[in-house]
Amino acid sequence: MDQFPHVAYVGVHEGRTVFGSFVDSEWVLHFVAAGEWSFQMEGRDYLVGPGDMILLPPRLLHVVRQVSGRQRAQHVIHFELSGSTLGQKLPLAVSLPKRQQVEASQLFKRLRREWLAAEPFADVITGGILAEMLGLYFRNSERPKSSAASATLAWKNIECSVQFLHANFHRPQLTLRDISAAAKVSPNYLCRLFKQNTGYTPMAYLTLLRHSKAEELLLRSLQNCTEIAEAAGYGDLHVFSRSFKKIAGLSPTEFQKQHARRAPAI
């Protein structure tokens, strides 16, 4: 790691926010707090549990499912690291010794507290704490989690369709036929394949992807609701408001007021 990391997001993911299919534009570090999980990445399945860390480079498709455990929680950190070679020769998942699991948990609590407080020079402090957590990951790079070849057929078709969705969700008129053409399979076959491996149909996934982008813009941009509706692919403010409230239970402005993190001091 040759540059200081910039922390973009720190959260505790529980319930339905934990599992699904994702492609993130930033680096993501997961620290499993509760439950056993399957991370499907690069055509392989990784079984991870409490005390394990997963380090995902930008734009890596990963499908996350809970395997066991009544409780489920992951500590998730999104960060940027421009010009770095971080992760090129590292395993995607490692297992921490017990003592370091406690240390990582304490570091995460400090990191989240600093990030939420957003006090002066928070970027410096959060970057330093994250660097410590990444240091634990590097130290345990010789303790990689084992993986097995994925039983998923046509994984490349799924990857292709998900990448196409992430690149084109902003198009309001996007159709299932467009997605299946990009994946080079029939619409019916793609629907069946996609749902078997992500839990959603391609169009349902598109709806959740647009919602996720809208949430991000509501909390991390200065755009108004009309601009966000266009950027997230809704094409219409009324469609945006209706769809957003159906998923979040709140209107976009209500969500923004309830969840916005206090802006950093200038």
C-alpha atoms as a PDB file:
ATOM      1  CA  MET A   1       0.000   0.000   0.000  1.00  0.00           C
ATOM      2  CA  ASP A   2       1.740   3.163  -1.191  1.00  0.00           C
ATOM      3  CA  GLN A   3      -0.911   5.783  -0.405  1.00  0.00           C
ATOM      4  CA  PHE A   4      -3.104   6.771   2.508  1.00  0.00           C
ATOM      5  CA  PRO A   5      -6.657   5.356   2.171  1.00  0.00           C
ATOM      6  CA  HIS A   6      -9.656   7.681   2.027  1.00  0.00           C
ATOM      7  CA  VAL A   7     -12.693   6.262   3.834  1.00  0.00           C
ATOM      8  CA  ALA A   8     -15.904   6.795   1.862  1.00  0.00           C
ATOM      9  CA  TYR A   9     -18.385   4.777   3.931  1.00  0.00           C
ATOM     10  CA  VAL A  10     -18.510   2.804   7.193  1.00  0.00           C
ATOM     11  CA  GLY A  11     -21.543   0.715   8.089  1.00  0.00           C
ATOM     12  CA  VAL A  12     -22.923  -2.271   9.946  1.00  0.00           C
ATOM     13  CA  HIS A  13     -24.959  -4.333   7.478  1.00  0.00           C
ATOM     14  CA  GLU A  14     -27.680  -6.535   8.882  1.00  0.00           C
ATOM     15  CA  GLY A  15     -30.816  -8.203   7.542  1.00  0.00           C
ATOM     16  CA  ARG A  16     -31.592  -7.882   3.824  1.00  0.00           C
ATOM     17  CA  THR A  17     -28.783  -5.367   3.196  1.00  0.00           C
ATOM     18  CA  VAL A  18     -26.203  -8.113   3.756  1.00  0.00           C
ATOM     19  CA  PHE A  19     -26.976 -10.513   0.947  1.00  0.00           C
ATOM     20  CA  GLY A  20     -27.383 -10.088  -2.769  1.00  0.00           C
ATOM     21  CA  SER A  21     -25.268  -9.386  -5.833  1.00  0.00           C
ATOM     22  CA  PHE A  22     -22.912  -6.397  -5.879  1.00  0.00           C
ATOM     23  CA  VAL A  23     -20.409  -4.545  -8.023  1.00  0.00           C
ATOM     24  CA  ASP A  24     -18.794  -1.641  -6.151  1.00  0.00           C
ATOM     25  CA  SER A  25     -16.811   1.206  -7.690  1.00  0.00           C
ATOM     26  CA  GLU A  26     -14.539   1.461  -4.631  1.00  0.00           C
ATOM     27  CA  TRP A  27     -12.415  -0.912  -2.584  1.00  0.00           C
ATOM     28  CA  VAL A  28     -14.529  -2.708   0.037  1.00  0.00           C
ATOM     29  CA  LEU A  29     -13.354  -4.387   3.253  1.00  0.00           C
ATOM     30  CA  HIS A  30     -15.801  -6.754   4.987  1.00  0.00           C
ATOM     31  CA  PHE A  31     -15.273  -7.950   8.563  1.00  0.00           C
ATOM     32  CA  VAL A  32     -17.750 -10.699   9.465  1.00  0.00           C
ATOM     33  CA  ALA A  33     -19.316 -10.105  12.904  1.00  0.00           C
ATOM     34  CA  ALA A  34     -22.013 -12.804  12.987  1.00  0.00           C
ATOM     35  CA  GLY A  35     -23.323 -15.650  10.845  1.00  0.00           C
ATOM     36  CA  GLU A  36     -21.719 -17.821   8.192  1.00  0.00           C
ATOM     37  CA  TRP A  37     -21.669 -16.566   4.629  1.00  0.00           C
ATOM     38  CA  SER A  38     -20.941 -17.643   1.099  1.00  0.00           C
ATOM     39  CA  PHE A  39     -19.086 -15.106  -1.053  1.00  0.00           C
ATOM     40  CA  GLN A  40     -19.107 -16.105  -4.715  1.00  0.00           C
ATOM     41  CA  MET A  41     -16.315 -14.331  -6.601  1.00  0.00           C
ATOM     42  CA  GLU A  42     -14.401 -15.012  -9.802  1.00  0.00           C
ATOM     43  CA  GLY A  43     -16.204 -18.300 -10.246  1.00  0.00           C
ATOM     44  CA  ARG A  44     -15.313 -19.626  -6.776  1.00  0.00           C
ATOM     45  CA  ASP A  45     -17.212 -19.971  -3.482  1.00  0.00           C
ATOM     46  CA  TYR A  46     -15.677 -18.754  -0.215  1.00  0.00           C
ATOM     47  CA  LEU A  47     -17.275 -19.847   3.070  1.00  0.00           C
ATOM     48  CA  VAL A  48     -16.572 -17.194   5.726  1.00  0.00           C
ATOM     49  CA  GLY A  49     -17.623 -16.671   9.342  1.00  0.00           C
ATOM     50  CA  PRO A  50     -17.015 -14.458  12.401  1.00  0.00           C
ATOM     51  CA  GLY A  51     -13.477 -13.063  12.453  1.00  0.00           C
ATOM     52  CA  ASP A  52     -12.884 -13.431   8.732  1.00  0.00           C
ATOM     53  CA  MET A  53     -12.048 -10.511   6.442  1.00  0.00           C
ATOM     54  CA  ILE A  54     -12.853 -10.112   2.757  1.00  0.00           C
ATOM     55  CA  LEU A  55     -11.050  -7.517   0.629  1.00  0.00           C
ATOM     56  CA  LEU A  56     -12.753  -6.694  -2.670  1.00  0.00           C
ATOM     57  CA  PRO A  57     -11.099  -4.649  -5.416  1.00  0.00           C
ATOM     58  CA  PRO A  58     -13.229  -2.177  -7.394  1.00  0.00           C
ATOM     59  CA  ARG A  59     -15.727  -3.533  -9.934  1.00  0.00           C
ATOM     60  CA  LEU A  60     -15.510  -7.156  -8.754  1.00  0.00           C
ATOM     61  CA  LEU A  61     -18.841  -8.963  -9.020  1.00  0.00           C
ATOM     62  CA  HIS A  62     -19.627 -10.793  -5.768  1.00  0.00           C
ATOM     63  CA  VAL A  63     -22.747 -12.683  -4.758  1.00  0.00           C
ATOM     64  CA  VAL A  64     -23.291 -12.896  -0.989  1.00  0.00           C
ATOM     65  CA  ARG A  65     -25.573 -15.389   0.739  1.00  0.00           C
ATOM     66  CA  GLN A  66     -26.109 -16.387   4.354  1.00  0.00           C
ATOM     67  CA  VAL A  67     -25.334 -20.044   5.012  1.00  0.00           C
ATOM     68  CA  SER A  68     -26.208 -20.380   8.708  1.00  0.00           C
ATOM     69  CA  GLY A  69     -26.761 -18.444  11.933  1.00  0.00           C
ATOM     70  CA  ARG A  70     -29.829 -16.708  13.302  1.00  0.00           C
ATOM     71  CA  GLN A  71     -27.859 -13.498  13.725  1.00  0.00           C
ATOM     72  CA  ARG A  72     -26.233 -11.886  10.729  1.00  0.00           C
ATOM     73  CA  ALA A  73     -23.967  -8.874  10.577  1.00  0.00           C
ATOM     74  CA  GLN A  74     -20.992  -7.619   8.631  1.00  0.00           C
ATOM     75  CA  HIS A  75     -18.859  -4.550   9.239  1.00  0.00           C
ATOM     76  CA  VAL A  76     -18.352  -2.902   5.846  1.00  0.00           C
ATOM     77  CA  ILE A  77     -15.897  -0.192   4.817  1.00  0.00           C
ATOM     78  CA  HIS A  78     -15.766   1.432   1.371  1.00  0.00           C
ATOM     79  CA  PHE A  79     -12.545   3.266   0.609  1.00  0.00           C
ATOM     80  CA  GLU A  80     -10.473   4.786  -2.174  1.00  0.00           C
ATOM     81  CA  LEU A  81      -6.779   4.309  -2.781  1.00  0.00           C
ATOM     82  CA  SER A  82      -5.655   6.077  -5.959  1.00  0.00           C
ATOM     83  CA  GLY A  83      -2.588   4.793  -7.720  1.00  0.00           C
ATOM     84  CA  SER A  84      -2.077   1.845  -5.380  1.00  0.00           C
ATOM     85  CA  THR A  85      -1.247  -1.763  -6.194  1.00  0.00           C
ATOM     86  CA  LEU A  86      -3.159  -2.895  -3.113  1.00  0.00           C
ATOM     87  CA  GLY A  87      -4.653  -6.339  -3.419  1.00  0.00           C
ATOM     88  CA  GLN A  88      -3.033  -7.443  -6.684  1.00  0.00           C
ATOM     89  CA  LYS A  89      -1.222 -10.334  -5.001  1.00  0.00           C
ATOM     90  CA  LEU A  90      -3.452 -10.770  -1.961  1.00  0.00           C
ATOM     91  CA  PRO A  91      -6.107 -13.410  -1.296  1.00  0.00           C
ATOM     92  CA  LEU A  92      -9.719 -12.244  -1.452  1.00  0.00           C
ATOM     93  CA  ALA A  93     -10.468 -13.592   2.042  1.00  0.00           C
ATOM     94  CA  VAL A  94      -8.370 -14.293   5.150  1.00  0.00           C
ATOM     95  CA  SER A  95      -8.944 -15.649   8.642  1.00  0.00           C
ATOM     96  CA  LEU A  96      -7.747 -13.644  11.676  1.00  0.00           C
ATOM     97  CA  PRO A  97      -6.445 -15.252  14.888  1.00  0.00           C
ATOM     98  CA  LYS A  98      -8.696 -14.747  17.940  1.00  0.00           C
ATOM     99  CA  ARG A  99      -6.609 -11.954  19.463  1.00  0.00           C
ATOM    100  CA  GLN A 100      -6.556 -10.015  16.216  1.00  0.00           C
ATOM    101  CA  GLN A 101     -10.305 -10.512  15.773  1.00  0.00           C
ATOM    102  CA  VAL A 102     -10.817  -8.517  18.982  1.00  0.00           C
ATOM    103  CA  GLU A 103      -8.352  -5.895  17.787  1.00  0.00           C
ATOM    104  CA  ALA A 104     -10.099  -5.586  14.412  1.00  0.00           C
ATOM    105  CA  SER A 105     -13.501  -5.245  16.107  1.00  0.00           C
ATOM    106  CA  GLN A 106     -12.208  -2.444  18.330  1.00  0.00           C
ATOM    107  CA  LEU A 107     -10.611  -0.676  15.367  1.00  0.00           C
ATOM    108  CA  PHE A 108     -13.877  -0.852  13.439  1.00  0.00           C
ATOM    109  CA  LYS A 109     -15.822   0.693  16.339  1.00  0.00           C
ATOM    110  CA  ARG A 110     -13.314   3.569  16.507  1.00  0.00           C
ATOM    111  CA  LEU A 111     -13.426   4.005  12.746  1.00  0.00           C
ATOM    112  CA  ARG A 112     -17.212   4.140  12.627  1.00  0.00           C
ATOM    113  CA  ARG A 113     -17.374   6.564  15.543  1.00  0.00           C
ATOM    114  CA  GLU A 114     -14.863   8.930  13.897  1.00  0.00           C
ATOM    115  CA  TRP A 115     -16.529   8.678  10.497  1.00  0.00           C
ATOM    116  CA  LEU A 116     -19.994   9.430  11.893  1.00  0.00           C
ATOM    117  CA  ALA A 117     -18.744  12.353  14.017  1.00  0.00           C
ATOM    118  CA  ALA A 118     -17.105  13.979  10.961  1.00  0.00           C
ATOM    119  CA  GLU A 119     -15.023  16.324  13.091  1.00  0.00           C
ATOM    120  CA  PRO A 120     -12.102  18.349  11.719  1.00  0.00           C
ATOM    121  CA  PHE A 121      -9.329  16.137  10.279  1.00  0.00           C
ATOM    122  CA  ALA A 122     -11.588  13.084  10.446  1.00  0.00           C
ATOM    123  CA  ASP A 123     -10.219  11.971   7.055  1.00  0.00           C
ATOM    124  CA  VAL A 124      -6.728  11.726   8.527  1.00  0.00           C
ATOM    125  CA  ILE A 125      -7.855   9.779  11.598  1.00  0.00           C
ATOM    126  CA  THR A 126     -10.193   7.409   9.738  1.00  0.00           C
ATOM    127  CA  GLY A 127      -7.520   6.776   7.097  1.00  0.00           C
ATOM    128  CA  GLY A 128      -5.047   5.880   9.833  1.00  0.00           C
ATOM    129  CA  ILE A 129      -7.449   3.496  11.558  1.00  0.00           C
ATOM    130  CA  LEU A 130      -8.294   1.804   8.264  1.00  0.00           C
ATOM    131  CA  ALA A 131      -4.572   1.447   7.533  1.00  0.00           C
ATOM    132  CA  GLU A 132      -4.255  -0.488  10.803  1.00  0.00           C
ATOM    133  CA  MET A 133      -7.113  -2.787   9.799  1.00  0.00           C
ATOM    134  CA  LEU A 134      -5.540  -3.373   6.392  1.00  0.00           C
ATOM    135  CA  GLY A 135      -2.263  -4.107   8.194  1.00  0.00           C
ATOM    136  CA  LEU A 136      -3.991  -6.975  10.024  1.00  0.00           C
ATOM    137  CA  TYR A 137      -5.250  -8.228   6.662  1.00  0.00           C
ATOM    138  CA  PHE A 138      -1.757  -8.118   5.139  1.00  0.00           C
ATOM    139  CA  ARG A 139      -0.240  -9.924   8.140  1.00  0.00           C
ATOM    140  CA  ASN A 140      -2.679 -12.768   7.642  1.00  0.00           C
ATOM    141  CA  SER A 141      -2.397 -13.002   3.865  1.00  0.00           C
ATOM    142  CA  GLU A 142      -0.715 -16.376   4.399  1.00  0.00           C
ATOM    143  CA  ARG A 143      -3.894 -17.581   6.137  1.00  0.00           C
ATOM    144  CA  PRO A 144      -6.240 -17.417   3.122  1.00  0.00           C
ATOM    145  CA  LYS A 145      -9.728 -18.852   3.296  1.00  0.00           C
ATOM    146  CA  SER A 146     -10.125 -21.943   1.177  1.00  0.00           C
ATOM    147  CA  SER A 147     -12.497 -21.813  -1.759  1.00  0.00           C
ATOM    148  CA  ALA A 148     -14.196 -24.264  -4.068  1.00  0.00           C
ATOM    149  CA  ALA A 149     -15.022 -24.008  -7.729  1.00  0.00           C
ATOM    150  CA  SER A 150     -18.503 -22.551  -8.066  1.00  0.00           C
ATOM    151  CA  ALA A 151     -21.250 -24.956  -9.012  1.00  0.00           C
ATOM    152  CA  THR A 152     -22.885 -22.126 -10.935  1.00  0.00           C
ATOM    153  CA  LEU A 153     -23.229 -22.813 -14.616  1.00  0.00           C
ATOM    154  CA  ALA A 154     -22.640 -19.958 -17.035  1.00  0.00           C
ATOM    155  CA  TRP A 155     -21.054 -17.718 -14.383  1.00  0.00           C
ATOM    156  CA  LYS A 156     -19.616 -15.572 -17.169  1.00  0.00           C
ATOM    157  CA  ASN A 157     -23.145 -14.875 -18.444  1.00  0.00           C
ATOM    158  CA  ILE A 158     -24.169 -13.677 -14.970  1.00  0.00           C
ATOM    159  CA  GLU A 159     -21.048 -11.517 -14.667  1.00  0.00           C
ATOM    160  CA  CYS A 160     -21.697 -10.023 -18.089  1.00  0.00           C
ATOM    161  CA  SER A 161     -25.343  -9.206 -17.334  1.00  0.00           C
ATOM    162  CA  VAL A 162     -24.540  -7.664 -13.927  1.00  0.00           C
ATOM    163  CA  GLN A 163     -21.728  -5.561 -15.379  1.00  0.00           C
ATOM    164  CA  PHE A 164     -24.061  -4.433 -18.172  1.00  0.00           C
ATOM    165  CA  LEU A 165     -26.703  -3.426 -15.589  1.00  0.00           C
ATOM    166  CA  HIS A 166     -24.195  -1.428 -13.567  1.00  0.00           C
ATOM    167  CA  ALA A 167     -22.996   0.357 -16.689  1.00  0.00           C
ATOM    168  CA  ASN A 168     -26.480   1.092 -18.065  1.00  0.00           C
ATOM    169  CA  PHE A 169     -28.931   1.396 -15.141  1.00  0.00           C
ATOM    170  CA  HIS A 170     -29.218   5.137 -15.857  1.00  0.00           C
ATOM    171  CA  ARG A 171     -31.120   4.362 -19.100  1.00  0.00           C
ATOM    172  CA  PRO A 172     -34.863   4.636 -18.259  1.00  0.00           C
ATOM    173  CA  GLN A 173     -35.978   2.419 -21.150  1.00  0.00           C
ATOM    174  CA  LEU A 174     -33.636  -0.489 -20.385  1.00  0.00           C
ATOM    175  CA  THR A 175     -35.363  -3.819 -21.076  1.00  0.00           C
ATOM    176  CA  LEU A 176     -34.845  -7.493 -20.303  1.00  0.00           C
ATOM    177  CA  ARG A 177     -34.107  -8.053 -23.990  1.00  0.00           C
ATOM    178  CA  ASP A 178     -31.258  -5.501 -23.802  1.00  0.00           C
ATOM    179  CA  ILE A 179     -29.772  -7.276 -20.783  1.00  0.00           C
ATOM    180  CA  SER A 180     -30.064 -10.775 -22.249  1.00  0.00           C
ATOM    181  CA  ALA A 181     -28.506  -9.590 -25.521  1.00  0.00           C
ATOM    182  CA  ALA A 182     -25.493  -8.285 -23.587  1.00  0.00           C
ATOM    183  CA  ALA A 183     -25.210 -11.651 -21.801  1.00  0.00           C
ATOM    184  CA  LYS A 184     -25.648 -13.526 -25.113  1.00  0.00           C
ATOM    185  CA  VAL A 185     -28.472 -15.745 -23.836  1.00  0.00           C
ATOM    186  CA  SER A 186     -32.243 -15.777 -24.252  1.00  0.00           C
ATOM    187  CA  PRO A 187     -34.400 -13.610 -21.929  1.00  0.00           C
ATOM    188  CA  ASN A 188     -36.095 -16.650 -20.358  1.00  0.00           C
ATOM    189  CA  TYR A 189     -32.814 -18.453 -19.715  1.00  0.00           C
ATOM    190  CA  LEU A 190     -31.251 -15.322 -18.222  1.00  0.00           C
ATOM    191  CA  CYS A 191     -34.214 -14.829 -15.882  1.00  0.00           C
ATOM    192  CA  ARG A 192     -33.930 -18.384 -14.596  1.00  0.00           C
ATOM    193  CA  LEU A 193     -30.121 -18.284 -14.283  1.00  0.00           C
ATOM    194  CA  PHE A 194     -30.082 -14.848 -12.681  1.00  0.00           C
ATOM    195  CA  LYS A 195     -32.729 -15.653 -10.074  1.00  0.00           C
ATOM    196  CA  GLN A 196     -31.090 -18.953  -9.138  1.00  0.00           C
ATOM    197  CA  ASN A 197     -27.804 -17.194  -8.355  1.00  0.00           C
ATOM    198  CA  THR A 198     -28.763 -13.758  -7.057  1.00  0.00           C
ATOM    199  CA  GLY A 199     -32.268 -14.306  -5.702  1.00  0.00           C
ATOM    200  CA  TYR A 200     -33.696 -11.689  -8.073  1.00  0.00           C
ATOM    201  CA  THR A 201     -34.862 -11.461 -11.665  1.00  0.00           C
ATOM    202  CA  PRO A 202     -32.734  -9.115 -13.820  1.00  0.00           C
ATOM    203  CA  MET A 203     -35.452  -6.415 -13.769  1.00  0.00           C
ATOM    204  CA  ALA A 204     -35.940  -6.707  -9.984  1.00  0.00           C
ATOM    205  CA  TYR A 205     -32.171  -6.386  -9.586  1.00  0.00           C
ATOM    206  CA  LEU A 206     -32.263  -3.299 -11.823  1.00  0.00           C
ATOM    207  CA  THR A 207     -34.901  -1.762  -9.538  1.00  0.00           C
ATOM    208  CA  LEU A 208     -32.742  -2.385  -6.456  1.00  0.00           C
ATOM    209  CA  LEU A 209     -29.652  -1.081  -8.253  1.00  0.00           C
ATOM    210  CA  ARG A 210     -31.407   2.169  -9.135  1.00  0.00           C
ATOM    211  CA  HIS A 211     -32.661   2.455  -5.559  1.00  0.00           C
ATOM    212  CA  SER A 212     -29.157   1.925  -4.196  1.00  0.00           C
ATOM    213  CA  LYS A 213     -27.756   4.597  -6.524  1.00  0.00           C
ATOM    214  CA  ALA A 214     -30.534   6.986  -5.497  1.00  0.00           C
ATOM    215  CA  GLU A 215     -29.741   6.402  -1.798  1.00  0.00           C
ATOM    216  CA  GLU A 216     -26.066   7.099  -2.461  1.00  0.00           C
ATOM    217  CA  LEU A 217     -26.830  10.349  -4.293  1.00  0.00           C
ATOM    218  CA  LEU A 218     -29.306  11.484  -1.639  1.00  0.00           C
ATOM    219  CA  LEU A 219     -26.674  11.103   1.075  1.00  0.00           C
ATOM    220  CA  ARG A 220     -23.466  11.934  -0.776  1.00  0.00           C
ATOM    221  CA  SER A 221     -24.309  14.532  -3.437  1.00  0.00           C
ATOM    222  CA  LEU A 222     -25.802  18.015  -3.702  1.00  0.00           C
ATOM    223  CA  GLN A 223     -28.199  17.057  -6.502  1.00  0.00           C
ATOM    224  CA  ASN A 224     -31.922  17.687  -6.075  1.00  0.00           C
ATOM    225  CA  CYS A 225     -34.545  14.941  -6.426  1.00  0.00           C
ATOM    226  CA  THR A 226     -35.252  15.662 -10.093  1.00  0.00           C
ATOM    227  CA  GLU A 227     -31.559  15.383 -10.949  1.00  0.00           C
ATOM    228  CA  ILE A 228     -31.215  12.193  -8.872  1.00  0.00           C
ATOM    229  CA  ALA A 229     -34.245  10.645 -10.590  1.00  0.00           C
ATOM    230  CA  GLU A 230     -32.577  11.217 -13.956  1.00  0.00           C
ATOM    231  CA  ALA A 231     -29.108  10.066 -12.830  1.00  0.00           C
ATOM    232  CA  ALA A 232     -30.474   6.850 -11.284  1.00  0.00           C
ATOM    233  CA  GLY A 233     -32.447   5.927 -14.408  1.00  0.00           C
ATOM    234  CA  TYR A 234     -36.018   6.588 -13.274  1.00  0.00           C
ATOM    235  CA  GLY A 235     -36.592   9.194 -15.952  1.00  0.00           C
ATOM    236  CA  ASP A 236     -39.440  10.793 -14.020  1.00  0.00           C
ATOM    237  CA  LEU A 237     -39.662  12.354 -10.560  1.00  0.00           C
ATOM    238  CA  HIS A 238     -43.043  10.783  -9.766  1.00  0.00           C
ATOM    239  CA  VAL A 239     -41.848   7.305 -10.764  1.00  0.00           C
ATOM    240  CA  PHE A 240     -38.745   7.856  -8.615  1.00  0.00           C
ATOM    241  CA  SER A 241     -40.713   8.978  -5.559  1.00  0.00           C
ATOM    242  CA  ARG A 242     -43.222   6.126  -5.825  1.00  0.00           C
ATOM    243  CA  SER A 243     -40.582   3.420  -6.375  1.00  0.00           C
ATOM    244  CA  PHE A 244     -38.301   4.762  -3.645  1.00  0.00           C
ATOM    245  CA  LYS A 245     -41.049   4.887  -1.023  1.00  0.00           C
ATOM    246  CA  LYS A 246     -42.193   1.364  -1.903  1.00  0.00           C
ATOM    247  CA  ILE A 247     -38.722   0.001  -1.035  1.00  0.00           C
ATOM    248  CA  ALA A 248     -37.551   2.345   1.730  1.00  0.00           C
ATOM    249  CA  GLY A 249     -40.906   3.121   3.358  1.00  0.00           C
ATOM    250  CA  LEU A 250     -39.943   6.798   3.183  1.00  0.00           C
ATOM    251  CA  SER A 251     -40.042   9.464   0.517  1.00  0.00           C
ATOM    252  CA  PRO A 252     -36.623  10.494  -0.870  1.00  0.00           C
ATOM    253  CA  THR A 253     -36.591  13.720   1.160  1.00  0.00           C
ATOM    254  CA  GLU A 254     -37.688  11.913   4.335  1.00  0.00           C
ATOM    255  CA  PHE A 255     -34.939   9.337   3.819  1.00  0.00           C
ATOM    256  CA  GLN A 256     -32.372  12.074   3.281  1.00  0.00           C
ATOM    257  CA  LYS A 257     -33.311  13.871   6.495  1.00  0.00           C
ATOM    258  CA  GLN A 258     -33.361  10.668   8.550  1.00  0.00           C
ATOM    259  CA  HIS A 259     -30.109   9.138   7.320  1.00  0.00           C
ATOM    260  CA  ALA A 260     -27.827  11.976   6.280  1.00  0.00           C
ATOM    261  CA  ARG A 261     -24.525  12.062   8.103  1.00  0.00           C
ATOM    262  CA  ARG A 262     -23.564  15.441   9.497  1.00  0.00           C
ATOM    263  CA  ALA A 263     -21.376  17.276   6.988  1.00  0.00           C
ATOM    264  CA  PRO A 264     -17.684  17.660   7.877  1.00  0.00           C
ATOM    265  CA  ALA A 265     -16.604  20.992   9.301  1.00  0.00           C
ATOM    266  CA  ILE A 266     -14.795  23.213   6.817  1.00  0.00           C
END
